[in-house]
Amino acid sequence: MAITNRQAGAASVLVSTQVTCMLPVKDMVRARRFYEEALGLVPLGAKPDGKFVYRCGGTELALFPKPEGTKAEHTAISFKVADIAAAVAELKQRGVVFDDYDLPGFKTVEHVCVLGSERAAWFRDPEGNILCLHEDLA
């Protein structure tokens, strides 16, 4: 698909912006405990609209209350790490439980699956959101 000059100009407005990932949570107290204690994220604080925000590298993660929750069947967030084995080990020590798979063409070994040019490992937060660690191989 060719990008026109107009499209390229519009896209350039977003190139240097900060991205905030929004995750719905049913139970803010439970979710905050997981993100702060199990994942070790440092809270930035609550917003007037009820969101609770964390800084992750150059992005923000915002938990927002949603009483009925949202059950996505895809990865909601993937954290890029330099050493996935070390990251998995650290999170396991903090109580994170990783998902394991044994499917044709998709198998985890010690919680990690090699997918082309990256390694990845998945886990869920207490709200059911699917989270991922990934390490680029190239």
C-alpha atoms as a PDB file:
ATOM      1  CA  MET A   1       0.000   0.000   0.000  1.00  0.00           C
ATOM      2  CA  ALA A   2       1.491   3.319  -1.050  1.00  0.00           C
ATOM      3  CA  ILE A   3       1.501   6.180   1.436  1.00  0.00           C
ATOM      4  CA  THR A   4       0.580   9.545   0.003  1.00  0.00           C
ATOM      5  CA  ASN A   5       2.276  12.782   1.066  1.00  0.00           C
ATOM      6  CA  ARG A   6      -0.854  13.715   2.970  1.00  0.00           C
ATOM      7  CA  GLN A   7      -0.837  10.401   4.863  1.00  0.00           C
ATOM      8  CA  ALA A   8       2.886  10.670   5.610  1.00  0.00           C
ATOM      9  CA  GLY A   9       2.379  14.192   6.984  1.00  0.00           C
ATOM     10  CA  ALA A  10      -0.489  13.116   9.216  1.00  0.00           C
ATOM     11  CA  ALA A  11       1.456  10.138  10.534  1.00  0.00           C
ATOM     12  CA  SER A  12       4.436  12.333  11.411  1.00  0.00           C
ATOM     13  CA  VAL A  13       2.376  14.061  14.114  1.00  0.00           C
ATOM     14  CA  LEU A  14       2.327  10.777  16.080  1.00  0.00           C
ATOM     15  CA  VAL A  15       5.938   9.721  15.561  1.00  0.00           C
ATOM     16  CA  SER A  16       7.259  11.399  18.703  1.00  0.00           C
ATOM     17  CA  THR A  17       4.195  11.120  20.931  1.00  0.00           C
ATOM     18  CA  GLN A  18       3.987   9.052  24.080  1.00  0.00           C
ATOM     19  CA  VAL A  19       1.746   5.989  23.917  1.00  0.00           C
ATOM     20  CA  THR A  20      -0.560   4.962  26.758  1.00  0.00           C
ATOM     21  CA  CYS A  21      -1.862   1.405  26.874  1.00  0.00           C
ATOM     22  CA  MET A  22      -5.318   1.179  28.447  1.00  0.00           C
ATOM     23  CA  LEU A  23      -6.271  -1.999  30.333  1.00  0.00           C
ATOM     24  CA  PRO A  24      -9.722  -2.590  31.812  1.00  0.00           C
ATOM     25  CA  VAL A  25      -9.881  -3.991  35.344  1.00  0.00           C
ATOM     26  CA  LYS A  26     -12.802  -5.165  37.448  1.00  0.00           C
ATOM     27  CA  ASP A  27     -11.019  -4.873  40.781  1.00  0.00           C
ATOM     28  CA  MET A  28      -8.579  -1.944  40.964  1.00  0.00           C
ATOM     29  CA  VAL A  29      -7.119  -2.978  44.340  1.00  0.00           C
ATOM     30  CA  ARG A  30      -6.362  -6.501  43.115  1.00  0.00           C
ATOM     31  CA  ALA A  31      -4.991  -5.224  39.799  1.00  0.00           C
ATOM     32  CA  ARG A  32      -2.761  -2.634  41.467  1.00  0.00           C
ATOM     33  CA  ARG A  33      -1.373  -5.249  43.847  1.00  0.00           C
ATOM     34  CA  PHE A  34      -0.409  -7.437  40.869  1.00  0.00           C
ATOM     35  CA  TYR A  35       1.138  -4.654  38.773  1.00  0.00           C
ATOM     36  CA  GLU A  36       3.070  -3.181  41.711  1.00  0.00           C
ATOM     37  CA  GLU A  37       4.062  -6.294  43.667  1.00  0.00           C
ATOM     38  CA  ALA A  38       4.245  -9.070  41.053  1.00  0.00           C
ATOM     39  CA  LEU A  39       5.446  -6.964  38.115  1.00  0.00           C
ATOM     40  CA  GLY A  40       7.299  -4.353  40.154  1.00  0.00           C
ATOM     41  CA  LEU A  41       5.910  -1.349  38.271  1.00  0.00           C
ATOM     42  CA  VAL A  42       6.246   2.040  39.925  1.00  0.00           C
ATOM     43  CA  PRO A  43       2.936   3.904  40.188  1.00  0.00           C
ATOM     44  CA  LEU A  44       2.569   7.433  38.872  1.00  0.00           C
ATOM     45  CA  GLY A  45      -0.814   7.743  40.566  1.00  0.00           C
ATOM     46  CA  ALA A  46      -4.527   8.047  40.121  1.00  0.00           C
ATOM     47  CA  LYS A  47      -6.221  10.321  37.602  1.00  0.00           C
ATOM     48  CA  PRO A  48      -9.471  12.218  38.298  1.00  0.00           C
ATOM     49  CA  ASP A  49     -11.360   9.923  35.902  1.00  0.00           C
ATOM     50  CA  GLY A  50     -10.519   6.802  37.946  1.00  0.00           C
ATOM     51  CA  LYS A  51      -7.578   5.533  35.895  1.00  0.00           C
ATOM     52  CA  PHE A  52      -4.404   4.477  37.668  1.00  0.00           C
ATOM     53  CA  VAL A  53      -1.175   5.046  35.729  1.00  0.00           C
ATOM     54  CA  TYR A  54       2.286   3.450  35.641  1.00  0.00           C
ATOM     55  CA  ARG A  55       5.366   4.433  33.618  1.00  0.00           C
ATOM     56  CA  CYS A  56       7.006   1.648  31.601  1.00  0.00           C
ATOM     57  CA  GLY A  57      10.035   2.901  29.704  1.00  0.00           C
ATOM     58  CA  GLY A  58       8.791   5.677  27.429  1.00  0.00           C
ATOM     59  CA  THR A  59       5.146   4.641  27.642  1.00  0.00           C
ATOM     60  CA  GLU A  60       2.408   4.596  30.214  1.00  0.00           C
ATOM     61  CA  LEU A  61       0.131   1.797  31.313  1.00  0.00           C
ATOM     62  CA  ALA A  62      -3.261   2.960  32.550  1.00  0.00           C
ATOM     63  CA  LEU A  63      -5.602   0.641  34.419  1.00  0.00           C
ATOM     64  CA  PHE A  64      -9.185   1.792  34.201  1.00  0.00           C
ATOM     65  CA  PRO A  65     -12.128   0.492  36.181  1.00  0.00           C
ATOM     66  CA  LYS A  66     -14.662  -1.448  34.170  1.00  0.00           C
ATOM     67  CA  PRO A  67     -17.083  -3.387  36.389  1.00  0.00           C
ATOM     68  CA  GLU A  68     -17.980  -5.923  33.692  1.00  0.00           C
ATOM     69  CA  GLY A  69     -14.344  -6.326  32.614  1.00  0.00           C
ATOM     70  CA  THR A  70     -13.203  -7.186  29.124  1.00  0.00           C
ATOM     71  CA  LYS A  71     -12.019 -10.621  28.043  1.00  0.00           C
ATOM     72  CA  ALA A  72      -9.660 -10.256  25.091  1.00  0.00           C
ATOM     73  CA  GLU A  73      -8.356 -13.384  23.392  1.00  0.00           C
ATOM     74  CA  HIS A  74      -5.161 -11.654  22.289  1.00  0.00           C
ATOM     75  CA  THR A  75      -2.080 -10.211  23.945  1.00  0.00           C
ATOM     76  CA  ALA A  76      -2.972  -6.833  25.432  1.00  0.00           C
ATOM     77  CA  ILE A  77       0.590  -5.761  26.322  1.00  0.00           C
ATOM     78  CA  SER A  78       4.030  -7.075  25.452  1.00  0.00           C
ATOM     79  CA  PHE A  79       7.003  -5.922  27.492  1.00  0.00           C
ATOM     80  CA  LYS A  80      10.253  -5.920  25.490  1.00  0.00           C
ATOM     81  CA  VAL A  81      13.093  -7.330  27.592  1.00  0.00           C
ATOM     82  CA  ALA A  82      16.809  -7.801  26.919  1.00  0.00           C
ATOM     83  CA  ASP A  83      16.993 -11.288  28.489  1.00  0.00           C
ATOM     84  CA  ILE A  84      13.737 -13.212  28.524  1.00  0.00           C
ATOM     85  CA  ALA A  85      15.050 -16.095  30.640  1.00  0.00           C
ATOM     86  CA  ALA A  86      16.138 -13.671  33.365  1.00  0.00           C
ATOM     87  CA  ALA A  87      12.851 -11.743  33.159  1.00  0.00           C
ATOM     88  CA  VAL A  88      10.803 -14.959  33.412  1.00  0.00           C
ATOM     89  CA  ALA A  89      12.870 -16.099  36.410  1.00  0.00           C
ATOM     90  CA  GLU A  90      12.429 -12.756  38.196  1.00  0.00           C
ATOM     91  CA  LEU A  91       8.677 -12.633  37.614  1.00  0.00           C
ATOM     92  CA  LYS A  92       8.258 -16.263  38.703  1.00  0.00           C
ATOM     93  CA  GLN A  93       9.996 -15.345  41.984  1.00  0.00           C
ATOM     94  CA  ARG A  94       7.429 -12.557  42.356  1.00  0.00           C
ATOM     95  CA  GLY A  95       4.573 -15.070  41.931  1.00  0.00           C
ATOM     96  CA  VAL A  96       3.719 -14.635  38.241  1.00  0.00           C
ATOM     97  CA  VAL A  97       2.387 -17.836  36.647  1.00  0.00           C
ATOM     98  CA  PHE A  98       3.289 -18.305  32.985  1.00  0.00           C
ATOM     99  CA  ASP A  99       1.125 -19.996  30.364  1.00  0.00           C
ATOM    100  CA  ASP A 100       2.618 -22.991  28.572  1.00  0.00           C
ATOM    101  CA  TYR A 101       1.645 -24.266  25.132  1.00  0.00           C
ATOM    102  CA  ASP A 102       2.241 -27.483  23.234  1.00  0.00           C
ATOM    103  CA  LEU A 103       0.598 -27.004  19.849  1.00  0.00           C
ATOM    104  CA  PRO A 104       1.846 -27.816  16.344  1.00  0.00           C
ATOM    105  CA  GLY A 105       4.319 -25.051  15.484  1.00  0.00           C
ATOM    106  CA  PHE A 106       3.761 -23.309  18.821  1.00  0.00           C
ATOM    107  CA  LYS A 107       5.496 -24.849  21.827  1.00  0.00           C
ATOM    108  CA  THR A 108       6.937 -23.282  24.957  1.00  0.00           C
ATOM    109  CA  VAL A 109      10.072 -24.628  26.593  1.00  0.00           C
ATOM    110  CA  GLU A 110      10.628 -23.301  30.128  1.00  0.00           C
ATOM    111  CA  HIS A 111       7.686 -20.940  29.397  1.00  0.00           C
ATOM    112  CA  VAL A 112       9.358 -19.459  26.285  1.00  0.00           C
ATOM    113  CA  CYS A 113       8.390 -19.915  22.633  1.00  0.00           C
ATOM    114  CA  VAL A 114      10.634 -18.985  19.708  1.00  0.00           C
ATOM    115  CA  LEU A 115       8.623 -17.103  17.079  1.00  0.00           C
ATOM    116  CA  GLY A 116      10.749 -16.243  14.060  1.00  0.00           C
ATOM    117  CA  SER A 117      12.869 -13.291  15.159  1.00  0.00           C
ATOM    118  CA  GLU A 118      11.808 -13.191  18.801  1.00  0.00           C
ATOM    119  CA  ARG A 119      11.303 -15.225  21.945  1.00  0.00           C
ATOM    120  CA  ALA A 120       8.087 -14.730  23.893  1.00  0.00           C
ATOM    121  CA  ALA A 121       6.421 -15.838  27.130  1.00  0.00           C
ATOM    122  CA  TRP A 122       2.828 -15.183  28.187  1.00  0.00           C
ATOM    123  CA  PHE A 123       1.038 -14.744  31.482  1.00  0.00           C
ATOM    124  CA  ARG A 124      -2.243 -13.259  32.671  1.00  0.00           C
ATOM    125  CA  ASP A 125      -3.027 -10.571  35.153  1.00  0.00           C
ATOM    126  CA  PRO A 126      -5.713 -11.241  37.803  1.00  0.00           C
ATOM    127  CA  GLU A 127      -8.274  -9.594  35.511  1.00  0.00           C
ATOM    128  CA  GLY A 128      -7.613 -12.093  32.701  1.00  0.00           C
ATOM    129  CA  ASN A 129      -5.666  -9.695  30.452  1.00  0.00           C
ATOM    130  CA  ILE A 130      -3.008 -11.570  28.465  1.00  0.00           C
ATOM    131  CA  LEU A 131       0.441 -10.062  28.951  1.00  0.00           C
ATOM    132  CA  CYS A 132       3.685 -11.011  27.253  1.00  0.00           C
ATOM    133  CA  LEU A 133       7.423 -10.691  27.574  1.00  0.00           C
ATOM    134  CA  HIS A 134       9.365 -10.641  24.314  1.00  0.00           C
ATOM    135  CA  GLU A 135      13.039 -10.554  23.391  1.00  0.00           C
ATOM    136  CA  ASP A 136      14.174  -9.654  19.892  1.00  0.00           C
ATOM    137  CA  LEU A 137      16.694 -12.118  18.488  1.00  0.00           C
ATOM    138  CA  ALA A 138      17.958  -9.967  15.633  1.00  0.00           C
END
